[in-house]
Amino acid sequence: MDRAASDASLAQPPAAGPSPVRRHPPAGGAPGPGRLLAAAGGSLLALALTGGVFLWTRAGQGIDALLLPRAERGGGYEQRTVLLSPARTVLAVFGSPLVLVVLLGAVLLVGVLGRRAAAGATGVALVLGTAAVAGAAKAVLPRAEFPIESSTAHNSFPSGHVSVAAALLLAFMLVLPRWARWWLALPGAAGVSAVAAATMIAGWHRFSDALGGVLLAVTLCCLAVAALARHDRPDGGADGHPPGRTAPYGPVGAAAGTVGLVWALLVVVPSAPLERGPLVAIVTATGLTALAVAAVVFLLDSTDFVASAARRNAPAPAGAGRPAPAGTSPAENGPPTW
């Protein structure tokens, strides 16, 4: 009798417990390497076209010569303006190795404090790699010689100062949380534009050199982020905001940066005795820099590079990876593993 009852109880299906909750990956997560590589390819194409037009065509060199003509006295490209002394100061400060080391250390520190150490290391590699590529390009790329007044065959494409300044800004974008990037985007673009303007006012670089420096930094940034996303998938919602949605105060920071940038362009620069060509070059370079930085921030807006290694190395909950015994609820055996 007891044996028959036991067989009957075994034949009955186990009591159905609460169904496990499936955890789906967050919508709009980190951009895949393919998307980033496509962005890098587009930026590289723009860089190649810029170099090809301004280095190897008469029309391109003519535009550079028109925007930044050679000075009548001395034969150099320094602009006779009260902005020349501030421009030299900007270049002296930004060109200091100590300042560069401090800024790179800040990238690493912000990355470590925000649990984005891998992104911080990637940002430092981005800045150093950008400086190396810019230096090599200036040494290797030839500049065609055309009979254009106030133009020389000396190649200065791309600008190392502008390349490093743009790469530093993008490196900080990697280690900052998503909501903070928009606070830094346009003010940072204004800082990069100030460096670009200083190189042109001081006669160190042409307009095309500044534009090429920004495009080089954007290209290498997209490649670096693609490698980072491939090896360590970023956490899409680590900053507490839904992936793919900008924090509510992000546009406020972007608007504040826009106001400051427009004020600098419309009040500070035109108030100085500056020729129309350099003024057009500075305003155009500033606008294109802001667009390039905004494009990168928009591309990364759905991801936050908080390290996921802590989740991978965390001890597995009790019962994970083993089927739950019949008649027990999933809550008694740890969270589901799918």
C-alpha atoms as a PDB file:
ATOM      1  CA  MET A   1       0.000   0.000   0.000  1.00  0.00           C
ATOM      2  CA  ASP A   2       2.751   2.404   0.961  1.00  0.00           C
ATOM      3  CA  ARG A   3       4.693   1.454  -2.170  1.00  0.00           C
ATOM      4  CA  ALA A   4       1.691   2.136  -4.401  1.00  0.00           C
ATOM      5  CA  ALA A   5       1.157   5.534  -2.798  1.00  0.00           C
ATOM      6  CA  SER A   6       4.822   6.369  -3.284  1.00  0.00           C
ATOM      7  CA  ASP A   7       4.665   5.409  -6.964  1.00  0.00           C
ATOM      8  CA  ALA A   8       1.579   7.555  -7.420  1.00  0.00           C
ATOM      9  CA  SER A   9       3.233  10.590  -5.859  1.00  0.00           C
ATOM     10  CA  LEU A  10       6.252  10.175  -8.110  1.00  0.00           C
ATOM     11  CA  ALA A  11       4.040   9.999 -11.169  1.00  0.00           C
ATOM     12  CA  GLN A  12       2.472  13.359 -10.385  1.00  0.00           C
ATOM     13  CA  PRO A  13       4.171  16.422 -11.956  1.00  0.00           C
ATOM     14  CA  PRO A  14       5.979  18.704  -9.507  1.00  0.00           C
ATOM     15  CA  ALA A  15       4.186  21.752  -8.244  1.00  0.00           C
ATOM     16  CA  ALA A  16       4.730  24.701 -10.515  1.00  0.00           C
ATOM     17  CA  GLY A  17       6.688  27.439  -8.801  1.00  0.00           C
ATOM     18  CA  PRO A  18       6.848  31.072  -9.823  1.00  0.00           C
ATOM     19  CA  SER A  19       8.182  31.472 -13.333  1.00  0.00           C
ATOM     20  CA  PRO A  20      11.713  32.967 -13.464  1.00  0.00           C
ATOM     21  CA  VAL A  21      12.057  36.501 -14.684  1.00  0.00           C
ATOM     22  CA  ARG A  22      14.092  36.689 -17.866  1.00  0.00           C
ATOM     23  CA  ARG A  23      16.687  39.403 -17.902  1.00  0.00           C
ATOM     24  CA  HIS A  24      16.983  40.934 -21.302  1.00  0.00           C
ATOM     25  CA  PRO A  25      19.954  43.054 -22.275  1.00  0.00           C
ATOM     26  CA  PRO A  26      19.228  46.751 -22.020  1.00  0.00           C
ATOM     27  CA  ALA A  27      17.925  48.352 -25.164  1.00  0.00           C
ATOM     28  CA  GLY A  28      20.250  50.726 -26.926  1.00  0.00           C
ATOM     29  CA  GLY A  29      23.400  49.386 -25.278  1.00  0.00           C
ATOM     30  CA  ALA A  30      26.975  49.970 -26.255  1.00  0.00           C
ATOM     31  CA  PRO A  31      27.682  50.643 -29.905  1.00  0.00           C
ATOM     32  CA  GLY A  32      29.144  47.595 -31.579  1.00  0.00           C
ATOM     33  CA  PRO A  33      32.633  47.563 -33.072  1.00  0.00           C
ATOM     34  CA  GLY A  34      31.138  47.568 -36.559  1.00  0.00           C
ATOM     35  CA  ARG A  35      29.399  50.876 -35.994  1.00  0.00           C
ATOM     36  CA  LEU A  36      32.523  52.400 -34.519  1.00  0.00           C
ATOM     37  CA  LEU A  37      34.701  51.111 -37.328  1.00  0.00           C
ATOM     38  CA  ALA A  38      32.284  52.629 -39.830  1.00  0.00           C
ATOM     39  CA  ALA A  39      32.585  55.976 -38.058  1.00  0.00           C
ATOM     40  CA  ALA A  40      36.376  55.640 -38.050  1.00  0.00           C
ATOM     41  CA  GLY A  41      36.306  54.889 -41.772  1.00  0.00           C
ATOM     42  CA  GLY A  42      34.210  57.965 -42.487  1.00  0.00           C
ATOM     43  CA  SER A  43      36.503  60.178 -40.448  1.00  0.00           C
ATOM     44  CA  LEU A  44      39.571  58.667 -42.095  1.00  0.00           C
ATOM     45  CA  LEU A  45      38.067  59.351 -45.519  1.00  0.00           C
ATOM     46  CA  ALA A  46      37.446  62.977 -44.540  1.00  0.00           C
ATOM     47  CA  LEU A  47      41.039  63.205 -43.283  1.00  0.00           C
ATOM     48  CA  ALA A  48      42.395  61.781 -46.537  1.00  0.00           C
ATOM     49  CA  LEU A  49      40.276  64.147 -48.637  1.00  0.00           C
ATOM     50  CA  THR A  50      41.370  67.120 -46.539  1.00  0.00           C
ATOM     51  CA  GLY A  51      45.019  66.203 -46.927  1.00  0.00           C
ATOM     52  CA  GLY A  52      44.653  65.461 -50.627  1.00  0.00           C
ATOM     53  CA  VAL A  53      42.903  68.737 -51.425  1.00  0.00           C
ATOM     54  CA  PHE A  54      45.016  71.071 -49.302  1.00  0.00           C
ATOM     55  CA  LEU A  55      48.382  69.395 -49.875  1.00  0.00           C
ATOM     56  CA  TRP A  56      48.259  68.342 -53.507  1.00  0.00           C
ATOM     57  CA  THR A  57      45.887  70.680 -55.326  1.00  0.00           C
ATOM     58  CA  ARG A  58      46.443  74.284 -56.324  1.00  0.00           C
ATOM     59  CA  ALA A  59      42.930  75.263 -55.270  1.00  0.00           C
ATOM     60  CA  GLY A  60      43.398  73.824 -51.776  1.00  0.00           C
ATOM     61  CA  GLN A  61      46.711  75.554 -51.240  1.00  0.00           C
ATOM     62  CA  GLY A  62      45.159  78.743 -52.555  1.00  0.00           C
ATOM     63  CA  ILE A  63      42.431  78.566 -49.889  1.00  0.00           C
ATOM     64  CA  ASP A  64      45.036  78.099 -47.169  1.00  0.00           C
ATOM     65  CA  ALA A  65      47.033  81.045 -48.517  1.00  0.00           C
ATOM     66  CA  LEU A  66      43.914  83.204 -48.679  1.00  0.00           C
ATOM     67  CA  LEU A  67      42.842  82.395 -45.122  1.00  0.00           C
ATOM     68  CA  LEU A  68      46.307  82.771 -43.620  1.00  0.00           C
ATOM     69  CA  PRO A  69      48.425  85.042 -45.832  1.00  0.00           C
ATOM     70  CA  ARG A  70      52.104  85.628 -45.275  1.00  0.00           C
ATOM     71  CA  ALA A  71      52.894  88.778 -43.322  1.00  0.00           C
ATOM     72  CA  GLU A  72      54.148  91.755 -45.348  1.00  0.00           C
ATOM     73  CA  ARG A  73      57.048  92.301 -42.971  1.00  0.00           C
ATOM     74  CA  GLY A  74      59.333  89.486 -41.997  1.00  0.00           C
ATOM     75  CA  GLY A  75      57.850  86.963 -44.406  1.00  0.00           C
ATOM     76  CA  GLY A  76      56.302  84.874 -41.644  1.00  0.00           C
ATOM     77  CA  TYR A  77      52.714  83.882 -41.015  1.00  0.00           C
ATOM     78  CA  GLU A  78      52.305  85.605 -37.647  1.00  0.00           C
ATOM     79  CA  GLN A  79      49.209  87.785 -37.579  1.00  0.00           C
ATOM     80  CA  ARG A  80      49.672  91.409 -36.590  1.00  0.00           C
ATOM     81  CA  THR A  81      47.043  91.527 -33.864  1.00  0.00           C
ATOM     82  CA  VAL A  82      46.772  91.975 -30.114  1.00  0.00           C
ATOM     83  CA  LEU A  83      45.814  88.289 -29.996  1.00  0.00           C
ATOM     84  CA  LEU A  84      49.339  87.260 -30.948  1.00  0.00           C
ATOM     85  CA  SER A  85      50.692  87.449 -27.397  1.00  0.00           C
ATOM     86  CA  PRO A  86      47.781  85.454 -25.878  1.00  0.00           C
ATOM     87  CA  ALA A  87      48.160  82.912 -28.685  1.00  0.00           C
ATOM     88  CA  ARG A  88      51.825  82.427 -27.849  1.00  0.00           C
ATOM     89  CA  THR A  89      50.911  81.994 -24.190  1.00  0.00           C
ATOM     90  CA  VAL A  90      48.314  79.334 -25.025  1.00  0.00           C
ATOM     91  CA  LEU A  91      50.820  77.413 -27.127  1.00  0.00           C
ATOM     92  CA  ALA A  92      53.552  77.699 -24.496  1.00  0.00           C
ATOM     93  CA  VAL A  93      51.278  76.396 -21.729  1.00  0.00           C
ATOM     94  CA  PHE A  94      49.696  73.628 -23.757  1.00  0.00           C
ATOM     95  CA  GLY A  95      53.050  72.618 -25.233  1.00  0.00           C
ATOM     96  CA  SER A  96      54.604  72.101 -21.807  1.00  0.00           C
ATOM     97  CA  PRO A  97      55.436  68.422 -21.132  1.00  0.00           C
ATOM     98  CA  LEU A  98      54.476  68.918 -17.490  1.00  0.00           C
ATOM     99  CA  VAL A  99      50.991  70.124 -18.431  1.00  0.00           C
ATOM    100  CA  LEU A 100      50.563  67.143 -20.741  1.00  0.00           C
ATOM    101  CA  VAL A 101      51.648  64.708 -18.020  1.00  0.00           C
ATOM    102  CA  VAL A 102      49.212  66.290 -15.547  1.00  0.00           C
ATOM    103  CA  LEU A 103      46.337  66.052 -18.023  1.00  0.00           C
ATOM    104  CA  LEU A 104      47.120  62.428 -18.840  1.00  0.00           C
ATOM    105  CA  GLY A 105      47.307  61.674 -15.123  1.00  0.00           C
ATOM    106  CA  ALA A 106      43.901  63.305 -14.699  1.00  0.00           C
ATOM    107  CA  VAL A 107      42.467  61.014 -17.381  1.00  0.00           C
ATOM    108  CA  LEU A 108      43.804  57.964 -15.544  1.00  0.00           C
ATOM    109  CA  LEU A 109      42.641  59.234 -12.155  1.00  0.00           C
ATOM    110  CA  VAL A 110      39.111  59.990 -13.321  1.00  0.00           C
ATOM    111  CA  GLY A 111      38.991  56.583 -14.987  1.00  0.00           C
ATOM    112  CA  VAL A 112      40.108  54.713 -11.859  1.00  0.00           C
ATOM    113  CA  LEU A 113      37.784  56.645  -9.541  1.00  0.00           C
ATOM    114  CA  GLY A 114      34.855  56.024 -11.861  1.00  0.00           C
ATOM    115  CA  ARG A 115      35.667  52.291 -12.290  1.00  0.00           C
ATOM    116  CA  ARG A 116      36.705  52.967 -15.889  1.00  0.00           C
ATOM    117  CA  ALA A 117      40.385  52.058 -15.619  1.00  0.00           C
ATOM    118  CA  ALA A 118      40.409  50.339 -19.017  1.00  0.00           C
ATOM    119  CA  ALA A 119      38.844  53.406 -20.620  1.00  0.00           C
ATOM    120  CA  GLY A 120      41.434  55.601 -18.879  1.00  0.00           C
ATOM    121  CA  ALA A 121      44.314  53.526 -20.211  1.00  0.00           C
ATOM    122  CA  THR A 122      42.706  53.611 -23.651  1.00  0.00           C
ATOM    123  CA  GLY A 123      42.429  57.401 -23.431  1.00  0.00           C
ATOM    124  CA  VAL A 124      46.104  57.791 -22.553  1.00  0.00           C
ATOM    125  CA  ALA A 125      47.071  55.481 -25.425  1.00  0.00           C
ATOM    126  CA  LEU A 126      44.804  57.532 -27.699  1.00  0.00           C
ATOM    127  CA  VAL A 127      46.589  60.794 -26.855  1.00  0.00           C
ATOM    128  CA  LEU A 128      50.087  59.349 -27.190  1.00  0.00           C
ATOM    129  CA  GLY A 129      49.192  57.496 -30.377  1.00  0.00           C
ATOM    130  CA  THR A 130      47.638  60.618 -31.898  1.00  0.00           C
ATOM    131  CA  ALA A 131      50.778  62.642 -31.160  1.00  0.00           C
ATOM    132  CA  ALA A 132      52.970  59.953 -32.724  1.00  0.00           C
ATOM    133  CA  VAL A 133      50.840  59.620 -35.865  1.00  0.00           C
ATOM    134  CA  ALA A 134      50.634  63.395 -36.326  1.00  0.00           C
ATOM    135  CA  GLY A 135      54.398  63.737 -36.043  1.00  0.00           C
ATOM    136  CA  ALA A 136      55.010  60.890 -38.471  1.00  0.00           C
ATOM    137  CA  ALA A 137      52.507  62.282 -40.975  1.00  0.00           C
ATOM    138  CA  LYS A 138      54.155  65.703 -40.997  1.00  0.00           C
ATOM    139  CA  ALA A 139      57.541  64.068 -41.610  1.00  0.00           C
ATOM    140  CA  VAL A 140      56.366  61.713 -44.344  1.00  0.00           C
ATOM    141  CA  LEU A 141      53.621  63.492 -46.304  1.00  0.00           C
ATOM    142  CA  PRO A 142      54.928  65.680 -49.152  1.00  0.00           C
ATOM    143  CA  ARG A 143      53.386  69.021 -50.034  1.00  0.00           C
ATOM    144  CA  ALA A 144      53.156  69.907 -53.705  1.00  0.00           C
ATOM    145  CA  GLU A 145      54.807  73.139 -54.813  1.00  0.00           C
ATOM    146  CA  PHE A 146      52.635  75.456 -56.875  1.00  0.00           C
ATOM    147  CA  PRO A 147      53.358  79.017 -58.005  1.00  0.00           C
ATOM    148  CA  ILE A 148      51.079  80.493 -55.345  1.00  0.00           C
ATOM    149  CA  GLU A 149      51.985  83.737 -53.638  1.00  0.00           C
ATOM    150  CA  SER A 150      52.526  83.403 -49.862  1.00  0.00           C
ATOM    151  CA  SER A 151      52.533  79.591 -50.100  1.00  0.00           C
ATOM    152  CA  THR A 152      55.458  77.280 -49.388  1.00  0.00           C
ATOM    153  CA  ALA A 153      56.148  73.599 -49.936  1.00  0.00           C
ATOM    154  CA  HIS A 154      56.821  73.051 -46.235  1.00  0.00           C
ATOM    155  CA  ASN A 155      54.342  70.492 -44.869  1.00  0.00           C
ATOM    156  CA  SER A 156      52.719  71.111 -41.491  1.00  0.00           C
ATOM    157  CA  PHE A 157      49.707  68.816 -41.953  1.00  0.00           C
ATOM    158  CA  PRO A 158      48.247  67.817 -39.534  1.00  0.00           C
ATOM    159  CA  SER A 159      48.784  70.053 -36.525  1.00  0.00           C
ATOM    160  CA  GLY A 160      50.273  68.171 -33.596  1.00  0.00           C
ATOM    161  CA  HIS A 161      48.978  70.685 -31.048  1.00  0.00           C
ATOM    162  CA  VAL A 162      45.406  70.470 -32.336  1.00  0.00           C
ATOM    163  CA  SER A 163      45.589  66.689 -32.658  1.00  0.00           C
ATOM    164  CA  VAL A 164      46.690  66.258 -29.060  1.00  0.00           C
ATOM    165  CA  ALA A 165      44.163  68.809 -27.769  1.00  0.00           C
ATOM    166  CA  ALA A 166      41.298  67.013 -29.537  1.00  0.00           C
ATOM    167  CA  ALA A 167      42.552  63.604 -28.407  1.00  0.00           C
ATOM    168  CA  LEU A 168      42.730  64.793 -24.789  1.00  0.00           C
ATOM    169  CA  LEU A 169      39.135  66.010 -24.938  1.00  0.00           C
ATOM    170  CA  LEU A 170      37.962  62.687 -26.398  1.00  0.00           C
ATOM    171  CA  ALA A 171      39.983  60.787 -23.792  1.00  0.00           C
ATOM    172  CA  PHE A 172      38.065  62.577 -21.047  1.00  0.00           C
ATOM    173  CA  MET A 173      34.840  61.631 -22.829  1.00  0.00           C
ATOM    174  CA  LEU A 174      35.765  57.970 -22.377  1.00  0.00           C
ATOM    175  CA  VAL A 175      36.270  58.181 -18.610  1.00  0.00           C
ATOM    176  CA  LEU A 176      33.345  60.466 -17.788  1.00  0.00           C
ATOM    177  CA  PRO A 177      29.819  59.143 -17.196  1.00  0.00           C
ATOM    178  CA  ARG A 178      27.357  59.684 -20.020  1.00  0.00           C
ATOM    179  CA  TRP A 179      25.556  62.614 -18.391  1.00  0.00           C
ATOM    180  CA  ALA A 180      28.806  64.510 -17.801  1.00  0.00           C
ATOM    181  CA  ARG A 181      29.996  64.304 -21.403  1.00  0.00           C
ATOM    182  CA  TRP A 182      27.529  66.896 -22.631  1.00  0.00           C
ATOM    183  CA  TRP A 183      28.696  69.301 -19.938  1.00  0.00           C
ATOM    184  CA  LEU A 184      32.232  69.068 -21.316  1.00  0.00           C
ATOM    185  CA  ALA A 185      31.533  68.660 -25.037  1.00  0.00           C
ATOM    186  CA  LEU A 186      31.115  72.233 -26.240  1.00  0.00           C
ATOM    187  CA  PRO A 187      33.359  73.908 -23.627  1.00  0.00           C
ATOM    188  CA  GLY A 188      35.990  71.323 -24.517  1.00  0.00           C
ATOM    189  CA  ALA A 189      35.464  71.989 -28.206  1.00  0.00           C
ATOM    190  CA  ALA A 190      35.978  75.684 -27.447  1.00  0.00           C
ATOM    191  CA  GLY A 191      39.277  74.820 -25.764  1.00  0.00           C
ATOM    192  CA  VAL A 192      40.414  72.780 -28.770  1.00  0.00           C
ATOM    193  CA  SER A 193      39.351  75.659 -31.014  1.00  0.00           C
ATOM    194  CA  ALA A 194      41.387  78.070 -28.902  1.00  0.00           C
ATOM    195  CA  VAL A 195      44.472  75.920 -29.455  1.00  0.00           C
ATOM    196  CA  ALA A 196      43.713  75.750 -33.180  1.00  0.00           C
ATOM    197  CA  ALA A 197      43.218  79.516 -33.355  1.00  0.00           C
ATOM    198  CA  ALA A 198      46.466  80.076 -31.463  1.00  0.00           C
ATOM    199  CA  THR A 199      48.429  77.963 -33.948  1.00  0.00           C
ATOM    200  CA  MET A 200      47.018  79.985 -36.854  1.00  0.00           C
ATOM    201  CA  ILE A 201      47.456  83.399 -35.217  1.00  0.00           C
ATOM    202  CA  ALA A 202      51.045  82.560 -34.250  1.00  0.00           C
ATOM    203  CA  GLY A 203      51.718  81.371 -37.797  1.00  0.00           C
ATOM    204  CA  TRP A 204      52.521  77.808 -36.776  1.00  0.00           C
ATOM    205  CA  HIS A 205      49.833  76.074 -38.813  1.00  0.00           C
ATOM    206  CA  ARG A 206      47.393  76.606 -41.632  1.00  0.00           C
ATOM    207  CA  PHE A 207      43.622  76.139 -41.535  1.00  0.00           C
ATOM    208  CA  SER A 208      43.901  72.692 -43.138  1.00  0.00           C
ATOM    209  CA  ASP A 209      46.402  71.612 -40.486  1.00  0.00           C
ATOM    210  CA  ALA A 210      43.931  72.398 -37.690  1.00  0.00           C
ATOM    211  CA  LEU A 211      41.100  70.596 -39.448  1.00  0.00           C
ATOM    212  CA  GLY A 212      43.321  67.592 -40.134  1.00  0.00           C
ATOM    213  CA  GLY A 213      44.350  67.426 -36.482  1.00  0.00           C
ATOM    214  CA  VAL A 214      40.723  67.189 -35.327  1.00  0.00           C
ATOM    215  CA  LEU A 215      39.882  64.523 -37.915  1.00  0.00           C
ATOM    216  CA  LEU A 216      42.950  62.483 -36.964  1.00  0.00           C
ATOM    217  CA  ALA A 217      41.954  62.480 -33.287  1.00  0.00           C
ATOM    218  CA  VAL A 218      38.360  61.485 -34.116  1.00  0.00           C
ATOM    219  CA  THR A 219      39.542  58.642 -36.362  1.00  0.00           C
ATOM    220  CA  LEU A 220      41.891  57.157 -33.776  1.00  0.00           C
ATOM    221  CA  CYS A 221      39.286  57.643 -31.029  1.00  0.00           C
ATOM    222  CA  CYS A 222      36.709  55.581 -32.931  1.00  0.00           C
ATOM    223  CA  LEU A 223      39.298  52.856 -33.529  1.00  0.00           C
ATOM    224  CA  ALA A 224      40.308  52.830 -29.861  1.00  0.00           C
ATOM    225  CA  VAL A 225      36.713  52.637 -28.648  1.00  0.00           C
ATOM    226  CA  ALA A 226      36.004  49.828 -31.110  1.00  0.00           C
ATOM    227  CA  ALA A 227      38.876  47.837 -29.592  1.00  0.00           C
ATOM    228  CA  LEU A 228      37.667  48.642 -26.087  1.00  0.00           C
ATOM    229  CA  ALA A 229      34.113  47.566 -26.900  1.00  0.00           C
ATOM    230  CA  ARG A 230      35.344  44.320 -28.451  1.00  0.00           C
ATOM    231  CA  HIS A 231      37.463  43.226 -25.478  1.00  0.00           C
ATOM    232  CA  ASP A 232      35.341  44.547 -22.631  1.00  0.00           C
ATOM    233  CA  ARG A 233      31.720  45.126 -23.429  1.00  0.00           C
ATOM    234  CA  PRO A 234      30.698  48.373 -21.714  1.00  0.00           C
ATOM    235  CA  ASP A 235      27.790  48.556 -19.305  1.00  0.00           C
ATOM    236  CA  GLY A 236      24.909  50.332 -20.938  1.00  0.00           C
ATOM    237  CA  GLY A 237      23.145  51.572 -17.824  1.00  0.00           C
ATOM    238  CA  ALA A 238      25.816  51.887 -15.186  1.00  0.00           C
ATOM    239  CA  ASP A 239      25.249  55.568 -14.560  1.00  0.00           C
ATOM    240  CA  GLY A 240      21.674  55.154 -13.461  1.00  0.00           C
ATOM    241  CA  HIS A 241      20.066  56.442 -16.649  1.00  0.00           C
ATOM    242  CA  PRO A 242      18.349  54.295 -19.295  1.00  0.00           C
ATOM    243  CA  PRO A 243      20.740  53.408 -22.117  1.00  0.00           C
ATOM    244  CA  GLY A 244      20.244  55.383 -25.287  1.00  0.00           C
ATOM    245  CA  ARG A 245      18.727  58.353 -23.419  1.00  0.00           C
ATOM    246  CA  THR A 246      20.697  61.444 -22.518  1.00  0.00           C
ATOM    247  CA  ALA A 247      20.536  62.551 -18.898  1.00  0.00           C
ATOM    248  CA  PRO A 248      17.970  65.349 -18.451  1.00  0.00           C
ATOM    249  CA  TYR A 249      20.586  67.938 -17.559  1.00  0.00           C
ATOM    250  CA  GLY A 250      22.868  67.020 -20.479  1.00  0.00           C
ATOM    251  CA  PRO A 251      21.224  69.450 -22.925  1.00  0.00           C
ATOM    252  CA  VAL A 252      21.481  72.203 -20.301  1.00  0.00           C
ATOM    253  CA  GLY A 253      25.251  71.795 -20.184  1.00  0.00           C
ATOM    254  CA  ALA A 254      25.404  71.662 -23.978  1.00  0.00           C
ATOM    255  CA  ALA A 255      23.325  74.857 -24.214  1.00  0.00           C
ATOM    256  CA  ALA A 256      25.571  76.625 -21.696  1.00  0.00           C
ATOM    257  CA  GLY A 257      28.633  75.583 -23.682  1.00  0.00           C
ATOM    258  CA  THR A 258      27.026  76.823 -26.896  1.00  0.00           C
ATOM    259  CA  VAL A 259      26.321  80.234 -25.370  1.00  0.00           C
ATOM    260  CA  GLY A 260      29.931  80.536 -24.231  1.00  0.00           C
ATOM    261  CA  LEU A 261      31.254  79.427 -27.605  1.00  0.00           C
ATOM    262  CA  VAL A 262      29.065  81.870 -29.544  1.00  0.00           C
ATOM    263  CA  TRP A 263      30.037  84.681 -27.174  1.00  0.00           C
ATOM    264  CA  ALA A 264      33.719  83.969 -27.708  1.00  0.00           C
ATOM    265  CA  LEU A 265      33.321  83.957 -31.472  1.00  0.00           C
ATOM    266  CA  LEU A 266      31.086  87.006 -31.825  1.00  0.00           C
ATOM    267  CA  VAL A 267      32.563  89.241 -29.130  1.00  0.00           C
ATOM    268  CA  VAL A 268      36.158  88.363 -28.307  1.00  0.00           C
ATOM    269  CA  VAL A 269      37.624  87.549 -31.729  1.00  0.00           C
ATOM    270  CA  PRO A 270      35.956  90.256 -33.878  1.00  0.00           C
ATOM    271  CA  SER A 271      36.807  92.921 -31.295  1.00  0.00           C
ATOM    272  CA  ALA A 272      40.505  92.387 -32.003  1.00  0.00           C
ATOM    273  CA  PRO A 273      42.167  93.841 -35.109  1.00  0.00           C
ATOM    274  CA  LEU A 274      42.216  90.607 -37.104  1.00  0.00           C
ATOM    275  CA  GLU A 275      42.103  90.276 -40.863  1.00  0.00           C
ATOM    276  CA  ARG A 276      39.075  88.697 -42.488  1.00  0.00           C
ATOM    277  CA  GLY A 277      40.941  85.615 -43.706  1.00  0.00           C
ATOM    278  CA  PRO A 278      42.214  84.449 -40.308  1.00  0.00           C
ATOM    279  CA  LEU A 279      38.845  85.333 -38.746  1.00  0.00           C
ATOM    280  CA  VAL A 280      37.004  83.131 -41.249  1.00  0.00           C
ATOM    281  CA  ALA A 281      39.544  80.350 -40.663  1.00  0.00           C
ATOM    282  CA  ILE A 282      39.093  80.515 -36.877  1.00  0.00           C
ATOM    283  CA  VAL A 283      35.290  80.586 -37.002  1.00  0.00           C
ATOM    284  CA  THR A 284      35.147  77.731 -39.536  1.00  0.00           C
ATOM    285  CA  ALA A 285      37.619  75.593 -37.608  1.00  0.00           C
ATOM    286  CA  THR A 286      35.656  76.190 -34.410  1.00  0.00           C
ATOM    287  CA  GLY A 287      32.354  75.187 -35.976  1.00  0.00           C
ATOM    288  CA  LEU A 288      33.784  72.033 -37.537  1.00  0.00           C
ATOM    289  CA  THR A 289      35.495  71.097 -34.269  1.00  0.00           C
ATOM    290  CA  ALA A 290      32.235  71.450 -32.347  1.00  0.00           C
ATOM    291  CA  LEU A 291      30.433  69.276 -34.909  1.00  0.00           C
ATOM    292  CA  ALA A 292      33.124  66.588 -34.750  1.00  0.00           C
ATOM    293  CA  VAL A 293      33.108  66.457 -30.941  1.00  0.00           C
ATOM    294  CA  ALA A 294      29.311  66.418 -30.798  1.00  0.00           C
ATOM    295  CA  ALA A 295      29.261  63.541 -33.299  1.00  0.00           C
ATOM    296  CA  VAL A 296      31.584  61.457 -31.111  1.00  0.00           C
ATOM    297  CA  VAL A 297      29.580  62.210 -27.958  1.00  0.00           C
ATOM    298  CA  PHE A 298      26.352  61.309 -29.762  1.00  0.00           C
ATOM    299  CA  LEU A 299      27.933  58.063 -30.951  1.00  0.00           C
ATOM    300  CA  LEU A 300      28.912  57.157 -27.388  1.00  0.00           C
ATOM    301  CA  ASP A 301      25.727  58.462 -25.770  1.00  0.00           C
ATOM    302  CA  SER A 302      24.269  54.975 -25.316  1.00  0.00           C
ATOM    303  CA  THR A 303      27.202  53.504 -23.419  1.00  0.00           C
ATOM    304  CA  ASP A 304      29.145  53.932 -20.213  1.00  0.00           C
ATOM    305  CA  PHE A 305      32.573  52.332 -19.954  1.00  0.00           C
ATOM    306  CA  VAL A 306      32.238  51.102 -16.382  1.00  0.00           C
ATOM    307  CA  ALA A 307      34.379  47.988 -16.015  1.00  0.00           C
ATOM    308  CA  SER A 308      32.393  44.783 -16.326  1.00  0.00           C
ATOM    309  CA  ALA A 309      35.183  42.622 -14.902  1.00  0.00           C
ATOM    310  CA  ALA A 310      33.695  42.917 -11.424  1.00  0.00           C
ATOM    311  CA  ARG A 311      30.547  41.247 -12.642  1.00  0.00           C
ATOM    312  CA  ARG A 312      32.460  38.513 -14.442  1.00  0.00           C
ATOM    313  CA  ASN A 313      34.718  37.791 -11.469  1.00  0.00           C
ATOM    314  CA  ALA A 314      31.934  37.853  -8.902  1.00  0.00           C
ATOM    315  CA  PRO A 315      31.296  34.464  -7.254  1.00  0.00           C
ATOM    316  CA  ALA A 316      28.444  32.572  -8.804  1.00  0.00           C
ATOM    317  CA  PRO A 317      25.294  32.416  -6.657  1.00  0.00           C
ATOM    318  CA  ALA A 318      24.420  29.168  -4.973  1.00  0.00           C
ATOM    319  CA  GLY A 319      22.858  26.768  -7.388  1.00  0.00           C
ATOM    320  CA  ALA A 320      23.820  28.755 -10.489  1.00  0.00           C
ATOM    321  CA  GLY A 321      24.490  26.563 -13.493  1.00  0.00           C
ATOM    322  CA  ARG A 322      22.670  23.541 -11.960  1.00  0.00           C
ATOM    323  CA  PRO A 323      19.045  22.684 -12.604  1.00  0.00           C
ATOM    324  CA  ALA A 324      16.746  23.415  -9.709  1.00  0.00           C
ATOM    325  CA  PRO A 325      15.430  20.365  -7.884  1.00  0.00           C
ATOM    326  CA  ALA A 326      11.838  19.454  -8.623  1.00  0.00           C
ATOM    327  CA  GLY A 327       9.330  21.208  -6.454  1.00  0.00           C
ATOM    328  CA  THR A 328      11.591  24.145  -5.468  1.00  0.00           C
ATOM    329  CA  SER A 329      11.252  27.719  -6.579  1.00  0.00           C
ATOM    330  CA  PRO A 330      14.041  29.514  -8.438  1.00  0.00           C
ATOM    331  CA  ALA A 331      14.354  31.983  -5.557  1.00  0.00           C
ATOM    332  CA  GLU A 332      15.723  29.178  -3.394  1.00  0.00           C
ATOM    333  CA  ASN A 333      18.489  28.379  -5.875  1.00  0.00           C
ATOM    334  CA  GLY A 334      19.762  31.864  -6.749  1.00  0.00           C
ATOM    335  CA  PRO A 335      18.785  34.128  -9.666  1.00  0.00           C
ATOM    336  CA  PRO A 336      18.400  32.629 -13.141  1.00  0.00           C
ATOM    337  CA  THR A 337      21.560  32.634 -15.226  1.00  0.00           C
ATOM    338  CA  TRP A 338      19.962  33.729 -18.508  1.00  0.00           C
END
